[in-house]
PDB file of N, CA and C in Angstrom:
ATOM      1  N   UNK A   1     120.495  72.760 136.839  1.00  0.00           N
ATOM      2  CA  UNK A   1     119.253  73.071 137.506  1.00  0.00           C
ATOM      3  C   UNK A   1     119.522  73.105 139.010  1.00  0.00           C
ATOM      4  N   UNK A   2     119.136  74.200 139.611  1.00  0.00           N
ATOM      5  CA  UNK A   2     119.256  74.331 141.068  1.00  0.00           C
ATOM      6  C   UNK A   2     118.145  73.529 141.737  1.00  0.00           C
ATOM      7  N   UNK A   3     118.355  73.186 142.993  1.00  0.00           N
ATOM      8  CA  UNK A   3     117.340  72.448 143.739  1.00  0.00           C
ATOM      9  C   UNK A   3     116.037  73.243 143.807  1.00  0.00           C
ATOM     10  N   UNK A   4     116.137  74.555 143.983  1.00  0.00           N
ATOM     11  CA  UNK A   4     114.925  75.378 144.040  1.00  0.00           C
ATOM     12  C   UNK A   4     114.174  75.351 142.701  1.00  0.00           C
ATOM     13  N   UNK A   5     114.910  75.293 141.593  1.00  0.00           N
ATOM     14  CA  UNK A   5     114.274  75.192 140.277  1.00  0.00           C
ATOM     15  C   UNK A   5     113.600  73.827 140.117  1.00  0.00           C
ATOM     16  N   UNK A   6     114.259  72.799 140.618  1.00  0.00           N
ATOM     17  CA  UNK A   6     113.681  71.457 140.584  1.00  0.00           C
ATOM     18  C   UNK A   6     112.357  71.435 141.350  1.00  0.00           C
ATOM     19  N   UNK A   7     112.377  71.978 142.544  1.00  0.00           N
ATOM     20  CA  UNK A   7     111.179  71.993 143.378  1.00  0.00           C
ATOM     21  C   UNK A   7     110.053  72.777 142.714  1.00  0.00           C
ATOM     22  N   UNK A   8     110.397  73.916 142.101  1.00  0.00           N
ATOM     23  CA  UNK A   8     109.400  74.728 141.396  1.00  0.00           C
ATOM     24  C   UNK A   8     108.839  73.955 140.201  1.00  0.00           C
ATOM     25  N   UNK A   9     109.702  73.259 139.477  1.00  0.00           N
ATOM     26  CA  UNK A   9     109.270  72.492 138.310  1.00  0.00           C
ATOM     27  C   UNK A   9     108.302  71.383 138.709  1.00  0.00           C
ATOM     28  N   UNK A  10     108.590  70.702 139.818  1.00  0.00           N
ATOM     29  CA  UNK A  10     107.714  69.629 140.293  1.00  0.00           C
ATOM     30  C   UNK A  10     106.334  70.187 140.630  1.00  0.00           C
ATOM     31  N   UNK A  11     106.290  71.297 141.352  1.00  0.00           N
ATOM     32  CA  UNK A  11     105.003  71.902 141.717  1.00  0.00           C
ATOM     33  C   UNK A  11     104.271  72.400 140.471  1.00  0.00           C
ATOM     34  N   UNK A  12     104.988  73.039 139.560  1.00  0.00           N
ATOM     35  CA  UNK A  12     104.357  73.557 138.342  1.00  0.00           C
ATOM     36  C   UNK A  12     103.768  72.429 137.493  1.00  0.00           C
ATOM     37  N   UNK A  13     104.473  71.319 137.412  1.00  0.00           N
ATOM     38  CA  UNK A  13     104.047  70.216 136.548  1.00  0.00           C
ATOM     39  C   UNK A  13     102.998  69.321 137.211  1.00  0.00           C
ATOM     40  N   UNK A  14     103.161  69.044 138.496  1.00  0.00           N
ATOM     41  CA  UNK A  14     102.325  68.045 139.152  1.00  0.00           C
ATOM     42  C   UNK A  14     101.430  68.583 140.268  1.00  0.00           C
ATOM     43  N   UNK A  15     101.657  69.815 140.697  1.00  0.00           N
ATOM     44  CA  UNK A  15     100.943  70.346 141.853  1.00  0.00           C
ATOM     45  C   UNK A  15     101.707  69.989 143.116  1.00  0.00           C
ATOM     46  N   UNK A  16     101.397  70.655 144.207  1.00  0.00           N
ATOM     47  CA  UNK A  16     102.202  70.459 145.418  1.00  0.00           C
ATOM     48  C   UNK A  16     101.955  69.108 146.080  1.00  0.00           C
ATOM     49  N   UNK A  17     100.711  68.698 146.230  1.00  0.00           N
ATOM     50  CA  UNK A  17     100.422  67.430 146.902  1.00  0.00           C
ATOM     51  C   UNK A  17     100.886  66.224 146.111  1.00  0.00           C
ATOM     52  N   UNK A  18     100.462  66.148 144.852  1.00  0.00           N
ATOM     53  CA  UNK A  18     100.835  65.014 144.006  1.00  0.00           C
ATOM     54  C   UNK A  18     102.337  65.024 143.745  1.00  0.00           C
ATOM     55  N   UNK A  19     102.906  66.195 143.545  1.00  0.00           N
ATOM     56  CA  UNK A  19     104.349  66.301 143.320  1.00  0.00           C
ATOM     57  C   UNK A  19     105.137  65.752 144.491  1.00  0.00           C
ATOM     58  N   UNK A  20     104.722  66.092 145.702  1.00  0.00           N
ATOM     59  CA  UNK A  20     105.412  65.593 146.895  1.00  0.00           C
ATOM     60  C   UNK A  20     105.288  64.078 146.989  1.00  0.00           C
ATOM     61  N   UNK A  21     104.121  63.552 146.660  1.00  0.00           N
ATOM     62  CA  UNK A  21     103.935  62.098 146.678  1.00  0.00           C
ATOM     63  C   UNK A  21     104.847  61.418 145.668  1.00  0.00           C
ATOM     64  N   UNK A  22     104.968  62.002 144.482  1.00  0.00           N
ATOM     65  CA  UNK A  22     105.858  61.429 143.475  1.00  0.00           C
ATOM     66  C   UNK A  22     107.308  61.408 143.962  1.00  0.00           C
ATOM     67  N   UNK A  23     107.727  62.487 144.605  1.00  0.00           N
ATOM     68  CA  UNK A  23     109.113  62.581 145.070  1.00  0.00           C
ATOM     69  C   UNK A  23     109.447  61.506 146.089  1.00  0.00           C
ATOM     70  N   UNK A  24     108.493  61.163 146.928  1.00  0.00           N
ATOM     71  CA  UNK A  24     108.789  60.248 148.029  1.00  0.00           C
ATOM     72  C   UNK A  24     108.310  58.813 147.795  1.00  0.00           C
ATOM     73  N   UNK A  25     107.406  58.610 146.845  1.00  0.00           N
ATOM     74  CA  UNK A  25     106.815  57.281 146.675  1.00  0.00           C
ATOM     75  C   UNK A  25     107.175  56.581 145.365  1.00  0.00           C
ATOM     76  N   UNK A  26     107.390  57.325 144.300  1.00  0.00           N
ATOM     77  CA  UNK A  26     107.648  56.718 142.992  1.00  0.00           C
ATOM     78  C   UNK A  26     109.106  56.281 142.882  1.00  0.00           C
ATOM     79  N   UNK A  27     109.322  54.982 142.710  1.00  0.00           N
ATOM     80  CA  UNK A  27     110.673  54.447 142.563  1.00  0.00           C
ATOM     81  C   UNK A  27     111.075  54.563 141.098  1.00  0.00           C
ATOM     82  N   UNK A  28     112.225  55.146 140.866  1.00  0.00           N
ATOM     83  CA  UNK A  28     112.725  55.385 139.515  1.00  0.00           C
ATOM     84  C   UNK A  28     113.868  54.408 139.221  1.00  0.00           C
ATOM     85  N   UNK A  29     113.581  53.408 138.404  1.00  0.00           N
ATOM     86  CA  UNK A  29     114.591  52.410 138.052  1.00  0.00           C
ATOM     87  C   UNK A  29     115.817  53.042 137.417  1.00  0.00           C
ATOM     88  N   UNK A  30     115.590  54.077 136.662  1.00  0.00           N
ATOM     89  CA  UNK A  30     116.672  54.792 135.980  1.00  0.00           C
ATOM     90  C   UNK A  30     117.682  55.385 136.966  1.00  0.00           C
ATOM     91  N   UNK A  31     117.239  55.605 138.189  1.00  0.00           N
ATOM     92  CA  UNK A  31     118.119  56.188 139.216  1.00  0.00           C
ATOM     93  C   UNK A  31     118.512  55.145 140.258  1.00  0.00           C
ATOM     94  N   UNK A  32     118.625  53.906 139.822  1.00  0.00           N
ATOM     95  CA  UNK A  32     119.083  52.853 140.713  1.00  0.00           C
ATOM     96  C   UNK A  32     118.036  52.370 141.688  1.00  0.00           C
ATOM     97  N   UNK A  33     116.762  52.473 141.319  1.00  0.00           N
ATOM     98  CA  UNK A  33     115.698  52.005 142.196  1.00  0.00           C
ATOM     99  C   UNK A  33     115.466  52.914 143.387  1.00  0.00           C
ATOM    100  N   UNK A  34     115.787  54.188 143.218  1.00  0.00           N
ATOM    101  CA  UNK A  34     115.573  55.180 144.287  1.00  0.00           C
ATOM    102  C   UNK A  34     114.355  56.028 143.948  1.00  0.00           C
ATOM    103  N   UNK A  35     113.795  56.635 144.974  1.00  0.00           N
ATOM    104  CA  UNK A  35     112.798  57.665 144.727  1.00  0.00           C
ATOM    105  C   UNK A  35     113.561  58.930 144.325  1.00  0.00           C
ATOM    106  N   UNK A  36     112.841  59.905 143.829  1.00  0.00           N
ATOM    107  CA  UNK A  36     113.489  61.164 143.461  1.00  0.00           C
ATOM    108  C   UNK A  36     114.152  61.803 144.681  1.00  0.00           C
ATOM    109  N   UNK A  37     113.475  61.759 145.822  1.00  0.00           N
ATOM    110  CA  UNK A  37     114.038  62.345 147.039  1.00  0.00           C
ATOM    111  C   UNK A  37     115.297  61.606 147.478  1.00  0.00           C
ATOM    112  N   UNK A  38     115.279  60.285 147.407  1.00  0.00           N
ATOM    113  CA  UNK A  38     116.468  59.500 147.755  1.00  0.00           C
ATOM    114  C   UNK A  38     117.627  59.811 146.812  1.00  0.00           C
ATOM    115  N   UNK A  39     117.307  59.975 145.530  1.00  0.00           N
ATOM    116  CA  UNK A  39     118.342  60.293 144.550  1.00  0.00           C
ATOM    117  C   UNK A  39     118.968  61.658 144.841  1.00  0.00           C
ATOM    118  N   UNK A  40     118.142  62.638 145.148  1.00  0.00           N
ATOM    119  CA  UNK A  40     118.663  63.966 145.493  1.00  0.00           C
ATOM    120  C   UNK A  40     119.530  63.883 146.747  1.00  0.00           C
ATOM    121  N   UNK A  41     119.062  63.142 147.749  1.00  0.00           N
ATOM    122  CA  UNK A  41     119.818  62.992 148.993  1.00  0.00           C
ATOM    123  C   UNK A  41     121.147  62.280 148.760  1.00  0.00           C
ATOM    124  N   UNK A  42     121.203  61.425 147.738  1.00  0.00           N
ATOM    125  CA  UNK A  42     122.429  60.688 147.411  1.00  0.00           C
ATOM    126  C   UNK A  42     123.390  61.523 146.567  1.00  0.00           C
ATOM    127  N   UNK A  43     122.976  62.736 146.214  1.00  0.00           N
ATOM    128  CA  UNK A  43     123.865  63.623 145.465  1.00  0.00           C
ATOM    129  C   UNK A  43     123.695  63.589 143.959  1.00  0.00           C
ATOM    130  N   UNK A  44     122.680  62.908 143.471  1.00  0.00           N
ATOM    131  CA  UNK A  44     122.420  62.915 142.026  1.00  0.00           C
ATOM    132  C   UNK A  44     121.917  64.301 141.658  1.00  0.00           C
ATOM    133  N   UNK A  45     122.469  64.901 140.597  1.00  0.00           N
ATOM    134  CA  UNK A  45     122.080  66.264 140.228  1.00  0.00           C
ATOM    135  C   UNK A  45     120.573  66.402 139.973  1.00  0.00           C
ATOM    136  N   UNK A  46     120.043  67.537 140.385  1.00  0.00           N
ATOM    137  CA  UNK A  46     118.606  67.793 140.255  1.00  0.00           C
ATOM    138  C   UNK A  46     118.133  67.664 138.814  1.00  0.00           C
ATOM    139  N   UNK A  47     118.919  68.114 137.847  1.00  0.00           N
ATOM    140  CA  UNK A  47     118.528  68.020 136.427  1.00  0.00           C
ATOM    141  C   UNK A  47     118.340  66.558 136.029  1.00  0.00           C
ATOM    142  N   UNK A  48     119.264  65.693 136.456  1.00  0.00           N
ATOM    143  CA  UNK A  48     119.178  64.271 136.138  1.00  0.00           C
ATOM    144  C   UNK A  48     117.927  63.648 136.772  1.00  0.00           C
ATOM    145  N   UNK A  49     117.636  64.019 138.000  1.00  0.00           N
ATOM    146  CA  UNK A  49     116.449  63.512 138.688  1.00  0.00           C
ATOM    147  C   UNK A  49     115.189  64.019 137.990  1.00  0.00           C
ATOM    148  N   UNK A  50     115.174  65.292 137.622  1.00  0.00           N
ATOM    149  CA  UNK A  50     114.023  65.874 136.931  1.00  0.00           C
ATOM    150  C   UNK A  50     113.741  65.134 135.627  1.00  0.00           C
ATOM    151  N   UNK A  51     114.770  64.892 134.838  1.00  0.00           N
ATOM    152  CA  UNK A  51     114.572  64.222 133.553  1.00  0.00           C
ATOM    153  C   UNK A  51     114.095  62.787 133.749  1.00  0.00           C
ATOM    154  N   UNK A  52     114.620  62.083 134.730  1.00  0.00           N
ATOM    155  CA  UNK A  52     114.167  60.720 135.018  1.00  0.00           C
ATOM    156  C   UNK A  52     112.698  60.734 135.444  1.00  0.00           C
ATOM    157  N   UNK A  53     112.330  61.689 136.266  1.00  0.00           N
ATOM    158  CA  UNK A  53     110.945  61.828 136.718  1.00  0.00           C
ATOM    159  C   UNK A  53     110.022  62.125 135.536  1.00  0.00           C
ATOM    160  N   UNK A  54     110.471  62.992 134.648  1.00  0.00           N
ATOM    161  CA  UNK A  54     109.687  63.321 133.454  1.00  0.00           C
ATOM    162  C   UNK A  54     109.475  62.094 132.574  1.00  0.00           C
ATOM    163  N   UNK A  55     110.538  61.354 132.334  1.00  0.00           N
ATOM    164  CA  UNK A  55     110.414  60.171 131.478  1.00  0.00           C
ATOM    165  C   UNK A  55     109.478  59.134 132.111  1.00  0.00           C
ATOM    166  N   UNK A  56     109.638  58.915 133.398  1.00  0.00           N
ATOM    167  CA  UNK A  56     108.832  57.898 134.092  1.00  0.00           C
ATOM    168  C   UNK A  56     107.352  58.248 134.126  1.00  0.00           C
ATOM    169  N   UNK A  57     107.025  59.527 134.225  1.00  0.00           N
ATOM    170  CA  UNK A  57     105.627  59.940 134.370  1.00  0.00           C
ATOM    171  C   UNK A  57     104.994  60.409 133.063  1.00  0.00           C
ATOM    172  N   UNK A  58     105.752  60.394 131.976  1.00  0.00           N
ATOM    173  CA  UNK A  58     105.192  60.759 130.678  1.00  0.00           C
ATOM    174  C   UNK A  58     105.006  62.249 130.458  1.00  0.00           C
ATOM    175  N   UNK A  59     105.801  63.060 131.132  1.00  0.00           N
ATOM    176  CA  UNK A  59     105.735  64.506 130.917  1.00  0.00           C
ATOM    177  C   UNK A  59     106.203  64.800 129.484  1.00  0.00           C
ATOM    178  N   UNK A  60     105.462  65.609 128.734  1.00  0.00           N
ATOM    179  CA  UNK A  60     105.875  65.926 127.357  1.00  0.00           C
ATOM    180  C   UNK A  60     107.264  66.587 127.328  1.00  0.00           C
ATOM    181  N   UNK A  61     108.042  66.243 126.332  1.00  0.00           N
ATOM    182  CA  UNK A  61     109.397  66.795 126.227  1.00  0.00           C
ATOM    183  C   UNK A  61     109.418  68.311 126.190  1.00  0.00           C
ATOM    184  N   UNK A  62     108.354  68.909 125.724  1.00  0.00           N
ATOM    185  CA  UNK A  62     108.302  70.373 125.678  1.00  0.00           C
ATOM    186  C   UNK A  62     108.332  70.985 127.073  1.00  0.00           C
ATOM    187  N   UNK A  63     108.082  70.195 128.111  1.00  0.00           N
ATOM    188  CA  UNK A  63     108.098  70.687 129.492  1.00  0.00           C
ATOM    189  C   UNK A  63     109.399  70.360 130.219  1.00  0.00           C
ATOM    190  N   UNK A  64     110.294  69.614 129.570  1.00  0.00           N
ATOM    191  CA  UNK A  64     111.507  69.148 130.246  1.00  0.00           C
ATOM    192  C   UNK A  64     112.528  70.250 130.476  1.00  0.00           C
ATOM    193  N   UNK A  65     112.765  71.078 129.486  1.00  0.00           N
ATOM    194  CA  UNK A  65     113.864  72.033 129.546  1.00  0.00           C
ATOM    195  C   UNK A  65     113.361  73.418 129.901  1.00  0.00           C
ATOM    196  N   UNK A  66     114.079  74.064 130.783  1.00  0.00           N
ATOM    197  CA  UNK A  66     113.677  75.380 131.239  1.00  0.00           C
ATOM    198  C   UNK A  66     112.658  75.324 132.360  1.00  0.00           C
ATOM    199  N   UNK A  67     112.244  74.130 132.722  1.00  0.00           N
ATOM    200  CA  UNK A  67     111.267  73.980 133.804  1.00  0.00           C
ATOM    201  C   UNK A  67     111.870  74.458 135.109  1.00  0.00           C
ATOM    202  N   UNK A  68     111.056  75.140 135.897  1.00  0.00           N
ATOM    203  CA  UNK A  68     111.492  75.592 137.204  1.00  0.00           C
ATOM    204  C   UNK A  68     112.137  76.962 137.224  1.00  0.00           C
ATOM    205  N   UNK A  69     112.444  77.477 136.059  1.00  0.00           N
ATOM    206  CA  UNK A  69     113.068  78.796 136.011  1.00  0.00           C
ATOM    207  C   UNK A  69     111.991  79.865 136.209  1.00  0.00           C
ATOM    208  N   UNK A  70     112.291  80.876 136.985  1.00  0.00           N
ATOM    209  CA  UNK A  70     111.293  81.937 137.177  1.00  0.00           C
ATOM    210  C   UNK A  70     111.039  82.687 135.866  1.00  0.00           C
ATOM    211  N   UNK A  71     109.864  83.240 135.763  1.00  0.00           N
ATOM    212  CA  UNK A  71     109.538  84.030 134.569  1.00  0.00           C
ATOM    213  C   UNK A  71     110.475  85.242 134.504  1.00  0.00           C
ATOM    214  N   UNK A  72     110.886  85.612 133.287  1.00  0.00           N
ATOM    215  CA  UNK A  72     111.791  86.766 133.154  1.00  0.00           C
ATOM    216  C   UNK A  72     111.141  88.044 133.691  1.00  0.00           C
ATOM    217  N   UNK A  73     111.945  88.864 134.302  1.00  0.00           N
ATOM    218  CA  UNK A  73     111.450  90.154 134.797  1.00  0.00           C
ATOM    219  C   UNK A  73     111.332  91.111 133.634  1.00  0.00           C
ATOM    220  N   UNK A  74     110.315  91.947 133.685  1.00  0.00           N
ATOM    221  CA  UNK A  74     110.105  92.915 132.598  1.00  0.00           C
ATOM    222  C   UNK A  74     110.494  94.283 133.020  1.00  0.00           C
TER     223      UNK A  74
END
């Protein structure tokens, strides 16, 4: 997952305001007690951060994979 896909997935799932708050305020024990933003800054892959965020916030598994990818062009 690219960083841009991660960012798109966060906005799609949580909205821009709440998503940004989650990235900077929610501490994820699974990522060593870091926020999602701290984890990304520390070099943890975006996919790993996305999945930890999903598990912590109760996002349905059906939204975990393929999130953030642009819609296919027709």
